[in-house]
Amino acid sequence: MLQTRNTYTQINWEECRRLPKQSRWSRLHASMYPNGEIALTRFTHEELGAPDAYTLLYDRKLKIIGLRPANTIAASRAFPARRKGRHGSRRIRAWRLLRQYNIDLTSTVTFPRCEIDHTGTLILDLNDTEPPRTGRKRKRWSDGQTQPGCI
């Protein structure tokens, strides 16, 4: 039989509510590497209809890249979406896009606010990029030292 103590009779509990923030894996997410490779998460690829290839578009004035799903790789202007890794992400090799439009990427960028427009095209705004998050965050003590046992 479980014994209880009455030392905590005056506790006034408050519930901690979880914020409705979406994780990287359940929202649209894309990255672009200096070698021209565009990476899409599985969620993003599936939201676009999981096509075999994409037609690459570019707006010089607004500096916006568009990925329009193509019906088949047989389309002469479509770039194949190659599977990368075991979790379903896709890579599109877009080196030609970088060279043709003189896009200079010195490092990898992510598109934190990419969206799909009314025509079904994924919009990647080169004016709205962030560096990728890498590594694990380290827990720190109040004096600035790293907590023992944490990487």
Protein backbone atom coordinates (compact mmCIF):
# COMPACT_ATOMS: atom_id res chain seq x y z
CA MET A 1 0.00 0.00 0.00
CA LEU A 2 1.27 3.45 -0.93
CA GLN A 3 1.89 5.80 1.93
CA THR A 4 1.32 9.54 1.49
CA ARG A 5 2.53 12.48 3.50
CA ASN A 6 0.57 15.65 4.15
CA THR A 7 3.60 17.96 3.93
CA TYR A 8 2.55 19.32 0.54
CA THR A 9 -1.06 20.22 1.27
CA GLN A 10 -0.66 23.88 0.33
CA ILE A 11 0.70 23.40 -3.22
CA ASN A 12 -0.77 25.71 -5.83
CA TRP A 13 0.03 24.01 -9.17
CA GLU A 14 0.19 25.97 -12.42
CA GLU A 15 0.18 24.14 -15.73
CA CYS A 16 3.01 24.77 -18.18
CA ARG A 17 1.50 25.04 -21.65
CA ARG A 18 3.35 23.88 -24.72
CA LEU A 19 3.74 26.45 -27.50
CA PRO A 20 2.36 25.50 -30.91
CA LYS A 21 5.75 25.84 -32.64
CA GLN A 22 6.25 23.47 -35.55
CA SER A 23 9.41 21.42 -35.77
CA ARG A 24 11.71 21.51 -38.76
CA TRP A 25 10.34 18.17 -39.89
CA SER A 26 6.66 19.18 -39.90
CA ARG A 27 6.91 22.43 -41.85
CA LEU A 28 8.28 23.54 -45.20
CA HIS A 29 12.07 23.57 -45.10
CA ALA A 30 14.72 23.93 -47.80
CA SER A 31 18.47 24.56 -47.89
CA MET A 32 20.89 25.46 -50.65
CA TYR A 33 24.59 24.63 -50.78
CA PRO A 34 27.38 26.60 -52.51
CA ASN A 35 27.70 23.78 -55.07
CA GLY A 36 24.13 24.50 -56.20
CA GLU A 37 22.45 21.57 -54.52
CA ILE A 38 18.96 22.29 -53.14
CA ALA A 39 17.84 20.07 -50.26
CA LEU A 40 14.17 19.52 -49.43
CA THR A 41 12.81 17.70 -46.41
CA ARG A 42 10.48 14.78 -47.01
CA PHE A 43 7.57 16.88 -45.71
CA THR A 44 8.29 19.66 -48.22
CA HIS A 45 8.70 17.17 -51.09
CA GLU A 46 5.40 15.48 -50.21
CA GLU A 47 3.57 18.82 -49.90
CA LEU A 48 4.63 19.52 -53.49
CA GLY A 49 3.12 16.20 -54.61
CA ALA A 50 6.30 14.09 -54.41
CA PRO A 51 7.31 14.62 -58.06
CA ASP A 52 10.20 12.86 -59.77
CA ALA A 53 11.64 16.17 -60.98
CA TYR A 54 11.33 19.95 -60.64
CA THR A 55 11.44 22.79 -63.12
CA LEU A 56 13.76 25.50 -61.76
CA LEU A 57 12.61 29.11 -62.09
CA TYR A 58 14.30 32.38 -61.19
CA ASP A 59 13.13 36.00 -60.87
CA ARG A 60 16.15 38.30 -61.34
CA LYS A 61 14.45 41.40 -59.99
CA LEU A 62 13.13 39.86 -56.76
CA LYS A 63 15.96 37.30 -56.41
CA ILE A 64 13.53 34.45 -55.89
CA ILE A 65 14.06 30.81 -56.86
CA GLY A 66 11.01 28.74 -57.75
CA LEU A 67 10.70 24.96 -57.78
CA ARG A 68 7.73 23.83 -59.83
CA PRO A 69 6.91 20.12 -59.72
CA ALA A 70 7.37 18.44 -63.11
CA ASN A 71 5.28 15.49 -64.25
CA THR A 72 8.23 13.39 -65.26
CA ILE A 73 11.99 13.41 -65.59
CA ALA A 74 11.42 13.01 -69.33
CA ALA A 75 10.60 16.72 -69.48
CA SER A 76 13.71 18.20 -71.06
CA ARG A 77 13.88 21.20 -68.71
CA ALA A 78 13.22 19.35 -65.45
CA PHE A 79 15.89 18.59 -62.86
CA PRO A 80 15.57 15.18 -61.13
CA ALA A 81 14.83 15.03 -57.40
CA ARG A 82 17.29 12.46 -56.10
CA ARG A 83 16.68 10.65 -52.84
CA LYS A 84 19.19 11.54 -50.13
CA GLY A 85 19.54 9.61 -46.88
CA ARG A 86 17.12 7.17 -45.36
CA HIS A 87 14.47 9.63 -44.16
CA GLY A 88 13.11 10.67 -47.54
CA SER A 89 14.76 14.03 -48.17
CA ARG A 90 15.42 15.02 -51.77
CA ARG A 91 18.29 16.83 -53.50
CA ILE A 92 18.08 18.81 -56.73
CA ARG A 93 21.39 19.59 -58.43
CA ALA A 94 20.99 23.20 -59.54
CA TRP A 95 24.56 24.22 -60.40
CA ARG A 96 23.37 25.45 -63.79
CA LEU A 97 20.91 27.82 -62.07
CA LEU A 98 23.73 29.40 -60.06
CA ARG A 99 25.95 29.85 -63.12
CA GLN A 100 23.23 31.01 -65.53
CA TYR A 101 21.95 33.74 -63.19
CA ASN A 102 25.26 34.62 -61.45
CA ILE A 103 24.02 33.63 -57.99
CA ASP A 104 26.96 33.65 -55.60
CA LEU A 105 26.60 31.51 -52.48
CA THR A 106 29.67 31.58 -50.28
CA SER A 107 28.14 29.24 -47.70
CA THR A 108 25.13 27.03 -47.12
CA VAL A 109 21.85 28.86 -46.54
CA THR A 110 18.43 27.82 -45.31
CA PHE A 111 15.11 29.37 -46.29
CA PRO A 112 13.20 29.79 -43.01
CA ARG A 113 10.06 31.18 -44.59
CA CYS A 114 9.69 29.24 -47.83
CA GLU A 115 6.13 28.81 -49.07
CA ILE A 116 4.06 27.25 -51.82
CA ASP A 117 2.17 29.73 -54.01
CA HIS A 118 -1.23 29.28 -55.67
CA THR A 119 0.34 27.58 -58.72
CA GLY A 120 2.03 24.91 -56.57
CA THR A 121 5.52 26.40 -56.92
CA LEU A 122 7.86 26.37 -53.92
CA ILE A 123 9.24 29.89 -53.41
CA LEU A 124 12.78 30.29 -52.05
CA ASP A 125 13.65 33.94 -51.38
CA LEU A 126 17.40 34.65 -51.58
CA ASN A 127 16.80 37.92 -49.68
CA ASP A 128 15.44 35.96 -46.71
CA THR A 129 18.03 33.32 -45.77
CA GLU A 130 19.71 32.14 -42.59
CA PRO A 131 22.85 30.13 -41.92
CA PRO A 132 22.12 26.51 -41.06
CA ARG A 133 21.95 25.41 -37.46
CA THR A 134 24.75 22.98 -36.77
CA GLY A 135 25.80 21.00 -33.76
CA ARG A 136 24.14 20.67 -30.40
CA LYS A 137 23.57 23.52 -28.01
CA ARG A 138 25.71 23.41 -24.90
CA LYS A 139 24.16 23.92 -21.52
CA ARG A 140 25.97 26.59 -19.56
CA TRP A 141 26.23 27.38 -15.88
CA SER A 142 25.52 30.92 -14.72
CA ASP A 143 29.29 31.63 -14.63
CA GLY A 144 29.60 30.81 -18.36
CA GLN A 145 31.28 27.40 -17.92
CA THR A 146 30.00 24.35 -19.77
CA GLN A 147 27.98 22.00 -17.63
CA PRO A 148 29.85 18.73 -16.90
CA GLY A 149 28.65 15.82 -19.00
CA CYS A 150 27.17 17.99 -21.77
CA ILE A 151 28.63 18.28 -25.20
